[in-house]
Amino acid sequence: MFEFLVAGFVVPLIVSALAVPVIRGLAPALGLVDQPGDRKVHVIPTPRSGGIAVWFGMVSAVIAMLLVQRSGWATGIAALEVLDDTLDANPLRFRQLMAVGIGGCVLFLAGLADDRWNL
């Protein structure tokens, strides 16, 4: 159970926490800064690319879960065993999970484009 907790919570927490200052520093160079204006609440330029750090955290959680599951460390973790059994019993379920993951990435890219070009 400890491995499941580390893979699903601690890894993305650390990845997101480390990514925030890096992305915040890169935001001006990437054009991801919101300028103050009549319809804005803030009075100083504000980076608006925090979703990148969240996305990195989410992806790191998925990768960590897969590594824990495939490495054999997860023996006895009921949630991963149920997932394995479900995917083995119904191959369509894997395609559904992939569709959700790809959909999430598309939404992330749309949000990033909105941050960059103010769609």
C-alpha atoms as a PDB file:
ATOM      1  CA  MET A   1       0.000   0.000   0.000  1.00  0.00           C
ATOM      2  CA  PHE A   2       2.898   2.347   0.745  1.00  0.00           C
ATOM      3  CA  GLU A   3       4.207   2.064  -2.832  1.00  0.00           C
ATOM      4  CA  PHE A   4       0.741   2.930  -4.160  1.00  0.00           C
ATOM      5  CA  LEU A   5       0.625   6.035  -1.951  1.00  0.00           C
ATOM      6  CA  VAL A   6       4.101   7.154  -2.993  1.00  0.00           C
ATOM      7  CA  ALA A   7       3.434   6.581  -6.693  1.00  0.00           C
ATOM      8  CA  GLY A   8       0.016   8.216  -6.672  1.00  0.00           C
ATOM      9  CA  PHE A   9       0.583  11.165  -4.357  1.00  0.00           C
ATOM     10  CA  VAL A  10       4.162  11.846  -3.300  1.00  0.00           C
ATOM     11  CA  VAL A  11       5.739  11.588  -6.763  1.00  0.00           C
ATOM     12  CA  PRO A  12       3.307  14.030  -8.445  1.00  0.00           C
ATOM     13  CA  LEU A  13       3.514  16.370  -5.446  1.00  0.00           C
ATOM     14  CA  ILE A  14       7.295  16.577  -5.721  1.00  0.00           C
ATOM     15  CA  VAL A  15       7.259  16.842  -9.530  1.00  0.00           C
ATOM     16  CA  SER A  16       4.669  19.639  -9.473  1.00  0.00           C
ATOM     17  CA  ALA A  17       6.426  21.502  -6.657  1.00  0.00           C
ATOM     18  CA  LEU A  18       9.742  21.383  -8.533  1.00  0.00           C
ATOM     19  CA  ALA A  19       8.162  22.306 -11.865  1.00  0.00           C
ATOM     20  CA  VAL A  20       6.313  25.429 -10.645  1.00  0.00           C
ATOM     21  CA  PRO A  21       9.376  27.684 -10.123  1.00  0.00           C
ATOM     22  CA  VAL A  22      10.982  26.457 -13.347  1.00  0.00           C
ATOM     23  CA  ILE A  23       7.861  27.125 -15.397  1.00  0.00           C
ATOM     24  CA  ARG A  24       7.267  30.432 -13.647  1.00  0.00           C
ATOM     25  CA  GLY A  25      10.780  31.508 -14.649  1.00  0.00           C
ATOM     26  CA  LEU A  26      10.256  30.376 -18.248  1.00  0.00           C
ATOM     27  CA  ALA A  27       6.793  31.963 -18.591  1.00  0.00           C
ATOM     28  CA  PRO A  28       7.976  35.395 -19.805  1.00  0.00           C
ATOM     29  CA  ALA A  29      10.224  33.856 -22.455  1.00  0.00           C
ATOM     30  CA  LEU A  30       7.352  31.655 -23.670  1.00  0.00           C
ATOM     31  CA  GLY A  31       4.858  34.537 -23.745  1.00  0.00           C
ATOM     32  CA  LEU A  32       2.771  33.027 -20.946  1.00  0.00           C
ATOM     33  CA  VAL A  33       2.338  36.178 -18.863  1.00  0.00           C
ATOM     34  CA  ASP A  34      -0.994  37.901 -18.286  1.00  0.00           C
ATOM     35  CA  GLN A  35      -0.697  41.683 -18.446  1.00  0.00           C
ATOM     36  CA  PRO A  36      -2.817  43.928 -16.200  1.00  0.00           C
ATOM     37  CA  GLY A  37      -5.818  45.552 -17.849  1.00  0.00           C
ATOM     38  CA  ASP A  38      -9.273  47.027 -17.358  1.00  0.00           C
ATOM     39  CA  ARG A  39     -10.929  43.621 -16.948  1.00  0.00           C
ATOM     40  CA  LYS A  40      -8.141  42.071 -14.864  1.00  0.00           C
ATOM     41  CA  VAL A  41      -7.908  41.727 -11.104  1.00  0.00           C
ATOM     42  CA  HIS A  42      -4.126  41.781 -10.837  1.00  0.00           C
ATOM     43  CA  VAL A  43      -2.032  44.956 -11.119  1.00  0.00           C
ATOM     44  CA  ILE A  44       1.330  43.389 -12.021  1.00  0.00           C
ATOM     45  CA  PRO A  45       2.189  40.972 -14.857  1.00  0.00           C
ATOM     46  CA  THR A  46       1.322  37.443 -13.710  1.00  0.00           C
ATOM     47  CA  PRO A  47       2.520  34.120 -15.144  1.00  0.00           C
ATOM     48  CA  ARG A  48      -0.453  32.040 -16.258  1.00  0.00           C
ATOM     49  CA  SER A  49       1.066  28.699 -17.045  1.00  0.00           C
ATOM     50  CA  GLY A  50       0.595  26.782 -13.773  1.00  0.00           C
ATOM     51  CA  GLY A  51      -1.315  24.088 -15.622  1.00  0.00           C
ATOM     52  CA  ILE A  52       1.967  22.839 -17.066  1.00  0.00           C
ATOM     53  CA  ALA A  53       3.208  21.874 -13.584  1.00  0.00           C
ATOM     54  CA  VAL A  54      -0.121  20.202 -12.799  1.00  0.00           C
ATOM     55  CA  TRP A  55       0.046  18.259 -16.060  1.00  0.00           C
ATOM     56  CA  PHE A  56       3.626  17.148 -15.337  1.00  0.00           C
ATOM     57  CA  GLY A  57       2.453  15.975 -11.906  1.00  0.00           C
ATOM     58  CA  MET A  58      -0.451  14.021 -13.393  1.00  0.00           C
ATOM     59  CA  VAL A  59       1.715  12.372 -16.029  1.00  0.00           C
ATOM     60  CA  SER A  60       4.367  11.520 -13.437  1.00  0.00           C
ATOM     61  CA  ALA A  61       1.667   9.846 -11.301  1.00  0.00           C
ATOM     62  CA  VAL A  62       0.533   7.696 -14.220  1.00  0.00           C
ATOM     63  CA  ILE A  63       4.112   6.732 -15.076  1.00  0.00           C
ATOM     64  CA  ALA A  64       4.925   5.980 -11.421  1.00  0.00           C
ATOM     65  CA  MET A  65       1.778   3.833 -11.062  1.00  0.00           C
ATOM     66  CA  LEU A  66       2.700   1.869 -14.182  1.00  0.00           C
ATOM     67  CA  LEU A  67       6.244   1.356 -12.926  1.00  0.00           C
ATOM     68  CA  VAL A  68       5.007   0.192  -9.519  1.00  0.00           C
ATOM     69  CA  GLN A  69       2.479  -2.123 -11.136  1.00  0.00           C
ATOM     70  CA  ARG A  70       4.872  -3.661 -13.660  1.00  0.00           C
ATOM     71  CA  SER A  71       7.849  -3.948 -11.326  1.00  0.00           C
ATOM     72  CA  GLY A  72       6.177  -6.426  -9.016  1.00  0.00           C
ATOM     73  CA  TRP A  73       6.362  -4.093  -6.004  1.00  0.00           C
ATOM     74  CA  ALA A  74       2.585  -3.862  -6.057  1.00  0.00           C
ATOM     75  CA  THR A  75       1.885  -7.433  -5.033  1.00  0.00           C
ATOM     76  CA  GLY A  76      -1.018  -7.374  -2.627  1.00  0.00           C
ATOM     77  CA  ILE A  77      -2.255  -3.887  -3.486  1.00  0.00           C
ATOM     78  CA  ALA A  78      -5.926  -4.474  -4.133  1.00  0.00           C
ATOM     79  CA  ALA A  79      -6.500  -1.401  -6.333  1.00  0.00           C
ATOM     80  CA  LEU A  80      -3.768  -2.352  -8.799  1.00  0.00           C
ATOM     81  CA  GLU A  81      -4.804  -6.010  -8.814  1.00  0.00           C
ATOM     82  CA  VAL A  82      -8.406  -5.013  -9.602  1.00  0.00           C
ATOM     83  CA  LEU A  83      -7.119  -2.781 -12.410  1.00  0.00           C
ATOM     84  CA  ASP A  84      -5.020  -5.640 -13.803  1.00  0.00           C
ATOM     85  CA  ASP A  85      -7.960  -8.064 -13.631  1.00  0.00           C
ATOM     86  CA  THR A  86     -10.298  -5.545 -15.251  1.00  0.00           C
ATOM     87  CA  LEU A  87      -7.908  -4.808 -18.094  1.00  0.00           C
ATOM     88  CA  ASP A  88      -7.222  -8.508 -18.667  1.00  0.00           C
ATOM     89  CA  ALA A  89     -10.931  -9.375 -18.643  1.00  0.00           C
ATOM     90  CA  ASN A  90     -11.974  -6.514 -20.910  1.00  0.00           C
ATOM     91  CA  PRO A  91      -9.385  -5.236 -23.432  1.00  0.00           C
ATOM     92  CA  LEU A  92     -11.799  -2.469 -24.416  1.00  0.00           C
ATOM     93  CA  ARG A  93     -11.244  -0.948 -20.962  1.00  0.00           C
ATOM     94  CA  PHE A  94      -7.604  -0.176 -21.844  1.00  0.00           C
ATOM     95  CA  ARG A  95      -8.741   1.720 -24.934  1.00  0.00           C
ATOM     96  CA  GLN A  96     -11.193   3.661 -22.793  1.00  0.00           C
ATOM     97  CA  LEU A  97      -8.453   4.578 -20.323  1.00  0.00           C
ATOM     98  CA  MET A  98      -6.230   5.672 -23.206  1.00  0.00           C
ATOM     99  CA  ALA A  99      -9.066   7.802 -24.603  1.00  0.00           C
ATOM    100  CA  VAL A 100      -9.475   9.537 -21.233  1.00  0.00           C
ATOM    101  CA  GLY A 101      -5.719  10.155 -21.039  1.00  0.00           C
ATOM    102  CA  ILE A 102      -5.533  11.499 -24.587  1.00  0.00           C
ATOM    103  CA  GLY A 103      -8.611  13.656 -23.954  1.00  0.00           C
ATOM    104  CA  GLY A 104      -6.946  15.094 -20.868  1.00  0.00           C
ATOM    105  CA  CYS A 105      -3.834  15.917 -22.894  1.00  0.00           C
ATOM    106  CA  VAL A 106      -5.952  17.626 -25.565  1.00  0.00           C
ATOM    107  CA  LEU A 107      -7.654  19.728 -22.875  1.00  0.00           C
ATOM    108  CA  PHE A 108      -4.242  20.609 -21.432  1.00  0.00           C
ATOM    109  CA  LEU A 109      -2.996  21.721 -24.859  1.00  0.00           C
ATOM    110  CA  ALA A 110      -6.151  23.785 -25.444  1.00  0.00           C
ATOM    111  CA  GLY A 111      -5.655  25.496 -22.069  1.00  0.00           C
ATOM    112  CA  LEU A 112      -1.991  26.114 -22.860  1.00  0.00           C
ATOM    113  CA  ALA A 113      -2.932  27.627 -26.232  1.00  0.00           C
ATOM    114  CA  ASP A 114      -5.465  29.837 -24.453  1.00  0.00           C
ATOM    115  CA  ASP A 115      -2.792  30.979 -21.999  1.00  0.00           C
ATOM    116  CA  ARG A 116      -0.409  31.755 -24.846  1.00  0.00           C
ATOM    117  CA  TRP A 117      -2.704  33.368 -27.431  1.00  0.00           C
ATOM    118  CA  ASN A 118      -5.634  34.501 -25.262  1.00  0.00           C
ATOM    119  CA  LEU A 119      -8.248  32.544 -27.159  1.00  0.00           C
END
